[in-house]
C-alpha atoms as a PDB file:
ATOM      1  CA  MET A   1      16.455  65.886 -41.445  1.00  0.00           C
ATOM      2  CA  PRO A   2      13.970  63.146 -41.997  1.00  0.00           C
ATOM      3  CA  VAL A   3      14.785  59.359 -40.742  1.00  0.00           C
ATOM      4  CA  GLY A   4      16.674  58.186 -43.732  1.00  0.00           C
ATOM      5  CA  ARG A   5      17.986  60.543 -45.758  1.00  0.00           C
ATOM      6  CA  CYS A   6      21.635  61.749 -45.709  1.00  0.00           C
ATOM      7  CA  ASP A   7      22.347  64.502 -47.376  1.00  0.00           C
ATOM      8  CA  THR A   8      26.021  64.468 -46.388  1.00  0.00           C
ATOM      9  CA  PRO A   9      28.567  62.095 -48.301  1.00  0.00           C
ATOM     10  CA  GLU A  10      30.406  60.700 -45.721  1.00  0.00           C
ATOM     11  CA  ASP A  11      33.745  61.956 -47.288  1.00  0.00           C
ATOM     12  CA  ASN A  12      32.631  65.479 -46.133  1.00  0.00           C
ATOM     13  CA  LEU A  13      31.839  64.270 -42.609  1.00  0.00           C
ATOM     14  CA  PHE A  14      34.392  65.742 -41.065  1.00  0.00           C
ATOM     15  CA  ASP A  15      33.965  69.064 -42.933  1.00  0.00           C
ATOM     16  CA  GLN A  16      31.542  70.518 -40.465  1.00  0.00           C
ATOM     17  CA  ARG A  17      32.649  73.741 -38.930  1.00  0.00           C
ATOM     18  CA  THR A  18      30.355  73.521 -35.839  1.00  0.00           C
ATOM     19  CA  GLU A  19      32.634  74.133 -32.972  1.00  0.00           C
ATOM     20  CA  ILE A  20      33.495  72.439 -29.880  1.00  0.00           C
ATOM     21  CA  ALA A  21      34.661  74.461 -26.430  1.00  0.00           C
ATOM     22  CA  PRO A  22      37.173  71.997 -24.665  1.00  0.00           C
ATOM     23  CA  VAL A  23      37.243  71.844 -20.958  1.00  0.00           C
ATOM     24  CA  ARG A  24      40.579  72.822 -20.502  1.00  0.00           C
ATOM     25  CA  ILE A  25      42.075  71.241 -17.363  1.00  0.00           C
ATOM     26  CA  PRO A  26      43.834  74.221 -15.736  1.00  0.00           C
ATOM     27  CA  ARG A  27      46.383  74.596 -13.626  1.00  0.00           C
ATOM     28  CA  THR A  28      46.252  76.297 -10.318  1.00  0.00           C
ATOM     29  CA  SER A  29      47.564  75.983  -6.928  1.00  0.00           C
ATOM     30  CA  ASP A  30      44.325  77.481  -5.055  1.00  0.00           C
ATOM     31  CA  PRO A  31      42.439  75.716  -3.112  1.00  0.00           C
ATOM     32  CA  ARG A  32      38.484  75.814  -3.316  1.00  0.00           C
ATOM     33  CA  THR A  33      36.075  74.185  -1.461  1.00  0.00           C
ATOM     34  CA  PRO A  34      34.554  71.527  -3.398  1.00  0.00           C
ATOM     35  CA  SER A  35      30.900  72.375  -4.542  1.00  0.00           C
ATOM     36  CA  LEU A  36      29.451  68.647  -5.774  1.00  0.00           C
ATOM     37  CA  ALA A  37      27.118  68.329  -2.571  1.00  0.00           C
ATOM     38  CA  CYS A  38      25.991  64.750  -1.967  1.00  0.00           C
ATOM     39  CA  ARG A  39      22.259  65.098  -2.788  1.00  0.00           C
ATOM     40  CA  CYS A  40      22.072  61.275  -3.289  1.00  0.00           C
ATOM     41  CA  VAL A  41      20.999  59.994   0.091  1.00  0.00           C
ATOM     42  CA  SER A  42      19.023  62.054   2.614  1.00  0.00           C
ATOM     43  CA  THR A  43      22.085  63.543   4.490  1.00  0.00           C
ATOM     44  CA  ALA A  44      24.354  66.525   3.671  1.00  0.00           C
ATOM     45  CA  THR A  45      27.370  64.099   4.411  1.00  0.00           C
ATOM     46  CA  PRO A  46      29.416  63.323   1.317  1.00  0.00           C
ATOM     47  CA  SER A  47      29.258  59.958  -0.429  1.00  0.00           C
ATOM     48  CA  GLU A  48      31.896  57.663   0.079  1.00  0.00           C
ATOM     49  CA  MET A  49      32.938  57.393  -3.581  1.00  0.00           C
ATOM     50  CA  GLU A  50      33.095  61.491  -3.672  1.00  0.00           C
ATOM     51  CA  GLN A  51      35.379  61.567  -0.683  1.00  0.00           C
ATOM     52  CA  ALA A  52      37.682  59.180  -2.386  1.00  0.00           C
ATOM     53  CA  ILE A  53      37.700  60.837  -5.408  1.00  0.00           C
ATOM     54  CA  ARG A  54      38.820  64.396  -3.529  1.00  0.00           C
ATOM     55  CA  ARG A  55      41.703  62.580  -1.570  1.00  0.00           C
ATOM     56  CA  GLN A  56      43.092  60.858  -4.785  1.00  0.00           C
ATOM     57  CA  PRO A  57      45.789  63.556  -5.044  1.00  0.00           C
ATOM     58  CA  ALA A  58      46.927  62.901  -1.348  1.00  0.00           C
ATOM     59  CA  GLU A  59      47.246  59.295  -2.234  1.00  0.00           C
ATOM     60  CA  LEU A  60      49.245  59.682  -5.858  1.00  0.00           C
ATOM     61  CA  GLU A  61      51.647  61.785  -3.703  1.00  0.00           C
ATOM     62  CA  ARG A  62      52.063  59.277  -1.020  1.00  0.00           C
ATOM     63  CA  LEU A  63      52.459  56.292  -3.752  1.00  0.00           C
ATOM     64  CA  LEU A  64      54.738  58.011  -6.361  1.00  0.00           C
ATOM     65  CA  ALA A  65      56.692  59.001  -3.180  1.00  0.00           C
ATOM     66  CA  ASP A  66      56.764  55.158  -2.203  1.00  0.00           C
ATOM     67  CA  ILE A  67      59.203  53.074  -5.055  1.00  0.00           C
ATOM     68  CA  ALA A  68      60.275  50.416  -3.169  1.00  0.00           C
ATOM     69  CA  PRO A  69      57.476  48.351  -3.057  1.00  0.00           C
ATOM     70  CA  VAL A  70      57.675  48.162  -7.241  1.00  0.00           C
ATOM     71  CA  GLU A  71      61.048  47.853  -7.487  1.00  0.00           C
ATOM     72  CA  HIS A  72      61.439  44.077  -6.981  1.00  0.00           C
ATOM     73  CA  VAL A  73      58.360  43.674  -8.596  1.00  0.00           C
ATOM     74  CA  ALA A  74      60.052  45.445 -11.807  1.00  0.00           C
ATOM     75  CA  GLU A  75      63.240  43.402 -11.715  1.00  0.00           C
ATOM     76  CA  GLN A  76      60.927  40.060 -12.038  1.00  0.00           C
ATOM     77  CA  LEU A  77      59.226  41.471 -15.340  1.00  0.00           C
ATOM     78  CA  ARG A  78      62.256  42.927 -17.102  1.00  0.00           C
ATOM     79  CA  GLY A  79      63.084  41.430 -20.323  1.00  0.00           C
ATOM     80  CA  ARG A  80      59.714  39.120 -19.412  1.00  0.00           C
ATOM     81  CA  ARG A  81      57.024  38.371 -21.504  1.00  0.00           C
ATOM     82  CA  VAL A  82      53.470  40.091 -19.385  1.00  0.00           C
ATOM     83  CA  CYS A  83      50.171  38.817 -19.079  1.00  0.00           C
ATOM     84  CA  LEU A  84      47.928  41.291 -17.781  1.00  0.00           C
ATOM     85  CA  VAL A  85      44.707  40.471 -15.722  1.00  0.00           C
ATOM     86  CA  GLY A  86      41.833  41.953 -14.386  1.00  0.00           C
ATOM     87  CA  THR A  87      37.861  42.480 -14.545  1.00  0.00           C
ATOM     88  CA  GLY A  88      35.819  45.590 -14.272  1.00  0.00           C
ATOM     89  CA  THR A  89      38.030  48.499 -13.773  1.00  0.00           C
ATOM     90  CA  SER A  90      40.889  46.150 -13.309  1.00  0.00           C
ATOM     91  CA  TRP A  91      40.294  45.058 -16.971  1.00  0.00           C
ATOM     92  CA  HIS A  92      41.005  48.888 -17.641  1.00  0.00           C
ATOM     93  CA  ALA A  93      43.710  49.142 -15.432  1.00  0.00           C
ATOM     94  CA  ALA A  94      45.480  45.823 -17.438  1.00  0.00           C
ATOM     95  CA  ASN A  95      44.775  47.759 -20.316  1.00  0.00           C
ATOM     96  CA  HIS A  96      45.958  51.355 -19.375  1.00  0.00           C
ATOM     97  CA  ALA A  97      49.378  49.541 -17.906  1.00  0.00           C
ATOM     98  CA  ALA A  98      49.685  47.618 -21.690  1.00  0.00           C
ATOM     99  CA  TRP A  99      49.788  50.934 -22.688  1.00  0.00           C
ATOM    100  CA  LEU A 100      52.494  52.471 -20.266  1.00  0.00           C
ATOM    101  CA  LEU A 101      54.484  49.535 -20.664  1.00  0.00           C
ATOM    102  CA  LEU A 102      54.138  49.766 -24.142  1.00  0.00           C
ATOM    103  CA  THR A 103      58.081  51.592 -24.477  1.00  0.00           C
ATOM    104  CA  ALA A 104      59.559  49.320 -21.508  1.00  0.00           C
ATOM    105  CA  GLU A 105      61.726  46.764 -21.491  1.00  0.00           C
ATOM    106  CA  THR A 106      59.285  44.050 -21.657  1.00  0.00           C
ATOM    107  CA  SER A 107      56.566  42.744 -23.652  1.00  0.00           C
ATOM    108  CA  ALA A 108      52.928  43.073 -22.495  1.00  0.00           C
ATOM    109  CA  TRP A 109      49.332  42.010 -23.511  1.00  0.00           C
ATOM    110  CA  PRO A 110      46.133  42.701 -21.402  1.00  0.00           C
ATOM    111  CA  ALA A 111      44.025  39.736 -21.121  1.00  0.00           C
ATOM    112  CA  GLN A 112      40.421  39.423 -19.242  1.00  0.00           C
ATOM    113  CA  ALA A 113      40.894  37.700 -16.125  1.00  0.00           C
ATOM    114  CA  ILE A 114      37.695  34.848 -17.495  1.00  0.00           C
ATOM    115  CA  ASP A 115      39.394  34.459 -20.788  1.00  0.00           C
ATOM    116  CA  ALA A 116      42.545  34.175 -19.515  1.00  0.00           C
ATOM    117  CA  ALA A 117      41.492  31.585 -16.536  1.00  0.00           C
ATOM    118  CA  THR A 118      39.305  29.804 -19.312  1.00  0.00           C
ATOM    119  CA  TYR A 119      41.125  29.765 -22.308  1.00  0.00           C
ATOM    120  CA  ASP A 120      44.865  29.580 -20.722  1.00  0.00           C
ATOM    121  CA  LEU A 121      45.919  32.936 -22.322  1.00  0.00           C
ATOM    122  CA  TRP A 122      48.453  33.490 -19.388  1.00  0.00           C
ATOM    123  CA  ARG A 123      50.422  30.060 -20.247  1.00  0.00           C
ATOM    124  CA  ASP A 124      52.599  31.937 -22.862  1.00  0.00           C
ATOM    125  CA  ALA A 125      53.580  33.953 -20.469  1.00  0.00           C
ATOM    126  CA  ASP A 126      56.790  34.234 -18.466  1.00  0.00           C
ATOM    127  CA  ALA A 127      54.945  36.334 -15.748  1.00  0.00           C
ATOM    128  CA  VAL A 128      51.755  37.339 -14.916  1.00  0.00           C
ATOM    129  CA  LEU A 129      50.391  40.820 -13.153  1.00  0.00           C
ATOM    130  CA  VAL A 130      47.130  41.068 -11.507  1.00  0.00           C
ATOM    131  CA  PHE A 131      45.332  44.002 -11.264  1.00  0.00           C
ATOM    132  CA  SER A 132      42.482  43.215  -8.219  1.00  0.00           C
ATOM    133  CA  HIS A 133      41.755  46.223  -5.652  1.00  0.00           C
ATOM    134  CA  ARG A 134      40.360  43.321  -3.501  1.00  0.00           C
ATOM    135  CA  ASN A 135      42.256  40.371  -4.597  1.00  0.00           C
ATOM    136  CA  SER A 136      39.565  38.397  -4.258  1.00  0.00           C
ATOM    137  CA  LYS A 137      37.807  37.812  -7.804  1.00  0.00           C
ATOM    138  CA  ARG A 138      37.207  34.412  -8.630  1.00  0.00           C
ATOM    139  CA  TYR A 139      39.094  34.359 -12.067  1.00  0.00           C
ATOM    140  CA  THR A 140      41.659  36.239 -10.792  1.00  0.00           C
ATOM    141  CA  ASN A 141      42.509  33.763  -7.978  1.00  0.00           C
ATOM    142  CA  GLU A 142      42.510  31.132 -10.445  1.00  0.00           C
ATOM    143  CA  ILE A 143      44.793  32.546 -12.741  1.00  0.00           C
ATOM    144  CA  ARG A 144      47.092  33.282 -10.270  1.00  0.00           C
ATOM    145  CA  GLU A 145      46.957  29.967  -8.563  1.00  0.00           C
ATOM    146  CA  ARG A 146      47.529  28.149 -11.428  1.00  0.00           C
ATOM    147  CA  ALA A 147      50.438  30.242 -12.728  1.00  0.00           C
ATOM    148  CA  GLN A 148      52.055  29.536  -9.146  1.00  0.00           C
ATOM    149  CA  ALA A 149      51.860  25.954  -9.702  1.00  0.00           C
ATOM    150  CA  ALA A 150      53.204  25.922 -13.312  1.00  0.00           C
ATOM    151  CA  GLY A 151      56.466  28.257 -11.600  1.00  0.00           C
ATOM    152  CA  VAL A 152      55.094  31.380 -13.321  1.00  0.00           C
ATOM    153  CA  PRO A 153      56.033  34.484 -11.207  1.00  0.00           C
ATOM    154  CA  VAL A 154      53.039  36.248 -10.314  1.00  0.00           C
ATOM    155  CA  ALA A 155      52.387  39.348  -8.642  1.00  0.00           C
ATOM    156  CA  VAL A 156      48.707  41.611  -7.517  1.00  0.00           C
ATOM    157  CA  ILE A 157      48.616  44.995  -7.697  1.00  0.00           C
ATOM    158  CA  GLY A 158      46.137  45.633  -5.015  1.00  0.00           C
ATOM    159  CA  ALA A 159      44.894  47.197  -1.821  1.00  0.00           C
ATOM    160  CA  ARG A 160      46.672  47.554   1.544  1.00  0.00           C
ATOM    161  CA  ALA A 161      46.198  44.449   4.128  1.00  0.00           C
ATOM    162  CA  VAL A 162      44.778  42.272   1.035  1.00  0.00           C
ATOM    163  CA  GLY A 163      47.869  40.007  -0.250  1.00  0.00           C
ATOM    164  CA  ALA A 164      48.749  42.225  -2.383  1.00  0.00           C
ATOM    165  CA  ASP A 165      52.470  42.454  -3.135  1.00  0.00           C
ATOM    166  CA  ILE A 166      52.261  45.739  -4.880  1.00  0.00           C
ATOM    167  CA  GLU A 167      49.391  47.894  -2.732  1.00  0.00           C
ATOM    168  CA  THR A 168      47.895  51.028  -3.587  1.00  0.00           C
ATOM    169  CA  VAL A 169      45.350  52.183  -0.612  1.00  0.00           C
ATOM    170  CA  GLU A 170      43.268  50.798   1.787  1.00  0.00           C
ATOM    171  CA  PRO A 171      40.700  49.152   0.928  1.00  0.00           C
ATOM    172  CA  GLU A 172      37.441  51.445  -0.895  1.00  0.00           C
ATOM    173  CA  ARG A 173      34.362  51.875   0.919  1.00  0.00           C
ATOM    174  CA  SER A 174      32.305  52.385  -2.138  1.00  0.00           C
ATOM    175  CA  SER A 175      31.539  50.085  -4.597  1.00  0.00           C
ATOM    176  CA  ALA A 176      32.080  52.351  -6.904  1.00  0.00           C
ATOM    177  CA  PHE A 177      36.603  51.721  -7.271  1.00  0.00           C
ATOM    178  CA  THR A 178      38.136  55.260  -7.498  1.00  0.00           C
ATOM    179  CA  VAL A 179      41.034  56.019  -6.182  1.00  0.00           C
ATOM    180  CA  SER A 180      41.620  52.451  -6.113  1.00  0.00           C
ATOM    181  CA  HIS A 181      42.032  53.047  -9.735  1.00  0.00           C
ATOM    182  CA  LEU A 182      44.339  55.707  -9.966  1.00  0.00           C
ATOM    183  CA  GLY A 183      46.118  54.147  -7.329  1.00  0.00           C
ATOM    184  CA  ALA A 184      46.633  51.260  -9.605  1.00  0.00           C
ATOM    185  CA  LEU A 185      47.246  53.267 -12.315  1.00  0.00           C
ATOM    186  CA  ALA A 186      50.691  54.710 -10.173  1.00  0.00           C
ATOM    187  CA  ARG A 187      52.058  51.659  -9.242  1.00  0.00           C
ATOM    188  CA  ALA A 188      51.898  50.776 -13.386  1.00  0.00           C
ATOM    189  CA  ALA A 189      53.570  53.946 -14.674  1.00  0.00           C
ATOM    190  CA  GLN A 190      56.467  53.660 -11.704  1.00  0.00           C
ATOM    191  CA  LEU A 191      56.546  50.138 -12.890  1.00  0.00           C
ATOM    192  CA  ALA A 192      56.977  51.212 -16.396  1.00  0.00           C
ATOM    193  CA  THR A 193      59.017  53.846 -15.486  1.00  0.00           C
ATOM    194  CA  LEU A 194      61.475  51.605 -14.028  1.00  0.00           C
ATOM    195  CA  LEU A 195      61.510  49.723 -16.690  1.00  0.00           C
ATOM    196  CA  GLY A 196      62.728  51.753 -19.066  1.00  0.00           C
ATOM    197  CA  ALA A 197      59.324  53.213 -20.592  1.00  0.00           C
ATOM    198  CA  GLU A 198      59.389  57.803 -20.863  1.00  0.00           C
ATOM    199  CA  LEU A 199      56.040  58.349 -19.674  1.00  0.00           C
ATOM    200  CA  GLY A 200      56.843  62.189 -18.537  1.00  0.00           C
ATOM    201  CA  ASP A 201      56.912  64.189 -15.195  1.00  0.00           C
ATOM    202  CA  LEU A 202      54.996  61.895 -12.747  1.00  0.00           C
ATOM    203  CA  ALA A 203      55.315  64.085 -10.286  1.00  0.00           C
ATOM    204  CA  ALA A 204      53.250  66.196 -12.190  1.00  0.00           C
ATOM    205  CA  VAL A 205      50.193  63.313 -11.545  1.00  0.00           C
ATOM    206  CA  PRO A 206      48.493  64.543  -8.685  1.00  0.00           C
ATOM    207  CA  GLY A 207      48.263  68.371  -8.861  1.00  0.00           C
ATOM    208  CA  ALA A 208      46.954  67.584 -12.507  1.00  0.00           C
ATOM    209  CA  VAL A 209      44.413  65.317 -10.826  1.00  0.00           C
ATOM    210  CA  GLU A 210      43.615  67.744  -8.058  1.00  0.00           C
ATOM    211  CA  SER A 211      43.116  70.799 -10.367  1.00  0.00           C
ATOM    212  CA  VAL A 212      40.042  68.551 -11.760  1.00  0.00           C
ATOM    213  CA  VAL A 213      38.665  67.522  -8.083  1.00  0.00           C
ATOM    214  CA  GLU A 214      38.955  70.757  -6.755  1.00  0.00           C
ATOM    215  CA  ARG A 215      36.638  71.824  -9.133  1.00  0.00           C
ATOM    216  CA  ASP A 216      32.814  71.652  -9.598  1.00  0.00           C
ATOM    217  CA  LEU A 217      31.756  69.744 -12.901  1.00  0.00           C
ATOM    218  CA  GLU A 218      28.288  70.280 -14.413  1.00  0.00           C
ATOM    219  CA  PHE A 219      26.380  67.579 -16.507  1.00  0.00           C
ATOM    220  CA  ALA A 220      23.123  66.787 -16.738  1.00  0.00           C
ATOM    221  CA  ALA A 221      21.637  63.215 -17.522  1.00  0.00           C
ATOM    222  CA  PRO A 222      20.653  63.398 -21.137  1.00  0.00           C
ATOM    223  CA  GLU A 223      17.371  61.370 -22.090  1.00  0.00           C
ATOM    224  CA  ARG A 224      19.383  58.291 -23.557  1.00  0.00           C
ATOM    225  CA  LEU A 225      22.638  57.432 -23.728  1.00  0.00           C
ATOM    226  CA  VAL A 226      26.008  59.001 -22.266  1.00  0.00           C
ATOM    227  CA  GLU A 227      28.496  57.929 -24.717  1.00  0.00           C
ATOM    228  CA  PHE A 228      32.456  58.058 -23.880  1.00  0.00           C
ATOM    229  CA  THR A 229      35.282  58.135 -26.603  1.00  0.00           C
ATOM    230  CA  GLY A 230      38.619  58.582 -26.666  1.00  0.00           C
ATOM    231  CA  VAL A 231      41.860  57.697 -28.791  1.00  0.00           C
ATOM    232  CA  GLY A 232      44.853  55.046 -27.646  1.00  0.00           C
ATOM    233  CA  PRO A 233      45.348  55.379 -23.988  1.00  0.00           C
ATOM    234  CA  ASN A 234      42.022  57.135 -23.578  1.00  0.00           C
ATOM    235  CA  GLN A 235      40.139  54.784 -25.234  1.00  0.00           C
ATOM    236  CA  TRP A 236      40.433  52.939 -21.959  1.00  0.00           C
ATOM    237  CA  THR A 237      39.398  55.991 -19.948  1.00  0.00           C
ATOM    238  CA  ALA A 238      36.110  56.121 -22.194  1.00  0.00           C
ATOM    239  CA  ALA A 239      35.364  52.479 -20.913  1.00  0.00           C
ATOM    240  CA  GLU A 240      35.469  53.341 -17.348  1.00  0.00           C
ATOM    241  CA  GLY A 241      33.970  56.265 -17.956  1.00  0.00           C
ATOM    242  CA  ALA A 242      31.019  54.163 -18.812  1.00  0.00           C
ATOM    243  CA  LEU A 243      31.008  51.873 -16.512  1.00  0.00           C
ATOM    244  CA  LYS A 244      31.520  54.282 -13.661  1.00  0.00           C
ATOM    245  CA  ALA A 245      28.574  56.067 -14.302  1.00  0.00           C
ATOM    246  CA  ARG A 246      26.473  53.046 -15.273  1.00  0.00           C
ATOM    247  CA  GLU A 247      27.205  51.613 -12.115  1.00  0.00           C
ATOM    248  CA  THR A 248      26.317  54.540  -9.933  1.00  0.00           C
ATOM    249  CA  SER A 249      23.157  56.281 -11.686  1.00  0.00           C
ATOM    250  CA  TYR A 250      22.251  53.708 -13.326  1.00  0.00           C
ATOM    251  CA  VAL A 251      21.776  55.387 -16.461  1.00  0.00           C
ATOM    252  CA  ALA A 252      22.746  53.830 -20.266  1.00  0.00           C
ATOM    253  CA  THR A 253      25.796  54.210 -21.142  1.00  0.00           C
ATOM    254  CA  GLU A 254      28.977  53.276 -23.767  1.00  0.00           C
ATOM    255  CA  GLY A 255      32.279  53.659 -23.755  1.00  0.00           C
ATOM    256  CA  LEU A 256      34.416  53.592 -27.546  1.00  0.00           C
ATOM    257  CA  SER A 257      37.564  53.903 -29.194  1.00  0.00           C
ATOM    258  CA  VAL A 258      36.723  56.641 -31.683  1.00  0.00           C
ATOM    259  CA  GLU A 259      37.238  54.498 -34.773  1.00  0.00           C
ATOM    260  CA  GLN A 260      34.760  52.163 -33.093  1.00  0.00           C
ATOM    261  CA  LEU A 261      31.937  54.606 -32.365  1.00  0.00           C
ATOM    262  CA  LEU A 262      32.631  56.124 -36.087  1.00  0.00           C
ATOM    263  CA  HIS A 263      31.991  52.978 -37.738  1.00  0.00           C
ATOM    264  CA  GLY A 264      28.748  51.857 -36.830  1.00  0.00           C
ATOM    265  CA  PRO A 265      27.641  52.760 -33.383  1.00  0.00           C
ATOM    266  CA  ALA A 266      27.883  57.047 -34.697  1.00  0.00           C
ATOM    267  CA  VAL A 267      24.507  56.864 -36.511  1.00  0.00           C
ATOM    268  CA  ALA A 268      22.590  56.202 -33.794  1.00  0.00           C
ATOM    269  CA  LEU A 269      23.359  59.484 -32.065  1.00  0.00           C
ATOM    270  CA  ASP A 270      21.008  62.523 -31.953  1.00  0.00           C
ATOM    271  CA  GLU A 271      19.172  64.845 -29.628  1.00  0.00           C
ATOM    272  CA  ARG A 272      18.434  62.381 -26.581  1.00  0.00           C
ATOM    273  CA  ASP A 273      22.368  61.709 -26.394  1.00  0.00           C
ATOM    274  CA  ALA A 274      25.823  63.162 -24.984  1.00  0.00           C
ATOM    275  CA  LEU A 275      28.939  62.454 -26.237  1.00  0.00           C
ATOM    276  CA  VAL A 276      31.791  62.852 -23.701  1.00  0.00           C
ATOM    277  CA  VAL A 277      35.376  63.186 -25.686  1.00  0.00           C
ATOM    278  CA  LEU A 278      38.329  62.641 -24.385  1.00  0.00           C
ATOM    279  CA  ASP A 279      41.819  64.261 -25.191  1.00  0.00           C
ATOM    280  CA  GLY A 280      44.817  63.916 -24.088  1.00  0.00           C
ATOM    281  CA  GLY A 281      46.800  64.560 -26.662  1.00  0.00           C
ATOM    282  CA  GLY A 282      49.099  62.500 -28.977  1.00  0.00           C
ATOM    283  CA  PRO A 283      48.678  61.378 -32.565  1.00  0.00           C
ATOM    284  CA  GLY A 284      44.798  60.869 -32.918  1.00  0.00           C
ATOM    285  CA  ALA A 285      43.699  64.093 -30.952  1.00  0.00           C
ATOM    286  CA  GLU A 286      42.518  65.498 -34.388  1.00  0.00           C
ATOM    287  CA  ARG A 287      40.554  62.680 -34.573  1.00  0.00           C
ATOM    288  CA  VAL A 288      38.743  62.306 -31.758  1.00  0.00           C
ATOM    289  CA  GLN A 289      37.612  66.000 -31.756  1.00  0.00           C
ATOM    290  CA  ALA A 290      36.446  65.976 -35.394  1.00  0.00           C
ATOM    291  CA  VAL A 291      34.428  63.227 -34.405  1.00  0.00           C
ATOM    292  CA  GLY A 292      33.191  65.457 -31.286  1.00  0.00           C
ATOM    293  CA  ARG A 293      32.680  68.329 -33.994  1.00  0.00           C
ATOM    294  CA  ALA A 294      30.417  65.653 -36.279  1.00  0.00           C
ATOM    295  CA  ALA A 295      28.364  64.595 -33.280  1.00  0.00           C
ATOM    296  CA  ALA A 296      27.428  68.408 -32.129  1.00  0.00           C
ATOM    297  CA  ALA A 297      26.565  69.010 -36.167  1.00  0.00           C
ATOM    298  CA  ALA A 298      24.358  65.996 -35.529  1.00  0.00           C
ATOM    299  CA  GLY A 299      22.493  67.538 -32.566  1.00  0.00           C
ATOM    300  CA  VAL A 300      24.412  65.452 -29.746  1.00  0.00           C
ATOM    301  CA  ARG A 301      25.170  67.335 -26.820  1.00  0.00           C
ATOM    302  CA  VAL A 302      29.212  66.984 -26.545  1.00  0.00           C
ATOM    303  CA  THR A 303      31.335  67.487 -23.878  1.00  0.00           C
ATOM    304  CA  ALA A 304      35.025  67.603 -24.767  1.00  0.00           C
ATOM    305  CA  PHE A 305      38.212  67.070 -21.454  1.00  0.00           C
ATOM    306  CA  GLU A 306      41.263  67.872 -23.387  1.00  0.00           C
ATOM    307  CA  GLU A 307      44.658  67.247 -21.231  1.00  0.00           C
ATOM    308  CA  ARG A 308      48.057  68.307 -23.409  1.00  0.00           C
ATOM    309  CA  ASN A 309      50.151  69.276 -20.705  1.00  0.00           C
ATOM    310  CA  LEU A 310      51.458  66.137 -19.028  1.00  0.00           C
ATOM    311  CA  GLY A 311      51.373  64.220 -22.705  1.00  0.00           C
ATOM    312  CA  GLU A 312      49.470  61.435 -23.480  1.00  0.00           C
ATOM    313  CA  PRO A 313      50.593  58.788 -21.745  1.00  0.00           C
ATOM    314  CA  LEU A 314      49.651  60.308 -18.377  1.00  0.00           C
ATOM    315  CA  SER A 315      46.834  62.066 -19.305  1.00  0.00           C
ATOM    316  CA  ILE A 316      44.886  58.918 -18.322  1.00  0.00           C
ATOM    317  CA  PHE A 317      45.124  60.258 -14.904  1.00  0.00           C
ATOM    318  CA  PRO A 318      43.190  63.858 -14.928  1.00  0.00           C
ATOM    319  CA  LEU A 319      40.721  62.603 -17.798  1.00  0.00           C
ATOM    320  CA  THR A 320      40.123  59.592 -15.492  1.00  0.00           C
ATOM    321  CA  ALA A 321      39.161  61.977 -13.088  1.00  0.00           C
ATOM    322  CA  CYS A 322      37.060  63.796 -15.060  1.00  0.00           C
ATOM    323  CA  VAL A 323      34.730  60.989 -15.649  1.00  0.00           C
ATOM    324  CA  GLN A 324      34.747  59.501 -12.345  1.00  0.00           C
ATOM    325  CA  LEU A 325      33.054  63.343 -11.378  1.00  0.00           C
ATOM    326  CA  ILE A 326      30.856  62.453 -14.341  1.00  0.00           C
ATOM    327  CA  ALA A 327      29.456  59.386 -12.572  1.00  0.00           C
ATOM    328  CA  LEU A 328      29.175  60.627  -9.250  1.00  0.00           C
ATOM    329  CA  LYS A 329      27.663  63.788 -10.818  1.00  0.00           C
ATOM    330  CA  LEU A 330      24.876  62.088 -12.607  1.00  0.00           C
ATOM    331  CA  ALA A 331      24.297  59.974  -9.281  1.00  0.00           C
ATOM    332  CA  GLN A 332      23.595  62.552  -7.447  1.00  0.00           C
ATOM    333  CA  GLN A 333      21.220  64.525 -10.316  1.00  0.00           C
ATOM    334  CA  LEU A 334      19.368  60.950 -10.713  1.00  0.00           C
ATOM    335  CA  GLY A 335      18.909  60.387  -6.310  1.00  0.00           C
ATOM    336  CA  VAL A 336      21.000  57.404  -6.239  1.00  0.00           C
ATOM    337  CA  ASP A 337      23.543  55.679  -3.855  1.00  0.00           C
ATOM    338  CA  PRO A 338      26.831  55.866  -5.912  1.00  0.00           C
ATOM    339  CA  ASP A 339      28.299  53.316  -2.863  1.00  0.00           C
ATOM    340  CA  CYS A 340      25.652  50.800  -2.609  1.00  0.00           C
ATOM    341  CA  PHE A 341      26.038  48.918  -5.944  1.00  0.00           C
ATOM    342  CA  ARG A 342      22.305  48.105  -6.507  1.00  0.00           C
ATOM    343  CA  GLN A 343      22.084  46.437  -2.821  1.00  0.00           C
ATOM    344  CA  PRO A 344      20.107  44.931  -2.074  1.00  0.00           C
ATOM    345  CA  ALA A 345      20.854  43.153  -5.173  1.00  0.00           C
ATOM    346  CA  LYS A 346      18.043  41.385  -7.353  1.00  0.00           C
ATOM    347  CA  PRO A 347      18.890  37.757  -6.445  1.00  0.00           C
ATOM    348  CA  SER A 348      19.516  36.800 -10.091  1.00  0.00           C
ATOM    349  CA  TRP A 349      22.923  38.889 -10.053  1.00  0.00           C
ATOM    350  CA  GLN A 350      23.859  37.668  -6.343  1.00  0.00           C
ATOM    351  CA  ASN A 351      23.358  33.589  -6.956  1.00  0.00           C
ATOM    352  CA  VAL A 352      25.675  34.250 -10.253  1.00  0.00           C
ATOM    353  CA  GLY A 353      28.900  35.155  -7.951  1.00  0.00           C
ATOM    354  CA  LEU A 354      31.842  37.689  -8.421  1.00  0.00           C
END
């Protein structure tokens, strides 16, 4: 079709019959040797990122069996208005937490740490829940100190031995946070469950993640862009996929909710691009699949991941593992060290500070 010409009316956009075979996340207890060998550095040793991804099922099993640290914070938050704060991957965790807490006995909303700090977005809250793996970022620390000074209860979900109120895992050795992110989501799910949310079977989460990380995943870098999309809570899984792939492989990525993608950005996608569709079920599932079909009909290479066994709230766990593996695979293909955060970084970035 020539540039500038449109023969398909908008009303017929989703009548395309292009078929997309979703990658359904299987269930099996048969162990397999991981086949994603690290090719990003001149060694046969897997990257720290890959090792962290592979140990996520065991860490999730451990965390979900350890409810005591979460119970005290749950009682602090019960019935309160809670501001959920984070930056980067922790910003995505804060948004996922808002979805997990949607039906809980509390009112919660996410705020970017810099926005919460500079625009006082936390001041309407009765409590603040900070997501920060290292508990050391500038704006999350500022919010914590100011909220505590104002007598507002503050709890931190973060790594072991960093002063967090609810601990997750040992501090990650890779700059690409993976196991700590799923650990934070596990803690958020525990909090939501203790506060009355009905999320589904949390005990099934480690096995669902294992069924993803124990398998190989093929994903070739496109010529131009990797787009991630999802609906509901998985719009934030898409955002995390874009962040993780970009920081580890330096490819151009974007992660948008399905409706945000459709209303403008979708028209730029073509044969040079790849689209990752994240389908966790739920009321928006048909919409996200329809957008995937439309993209495929437009020549975009579409990869669809489908998780229907856990229910939409908990689908974020295995689908996050999927996008982590895409990020790892891209780094390996392109010969990039996924652990280094492009160190030594250009001085202009180092001077800004985190």
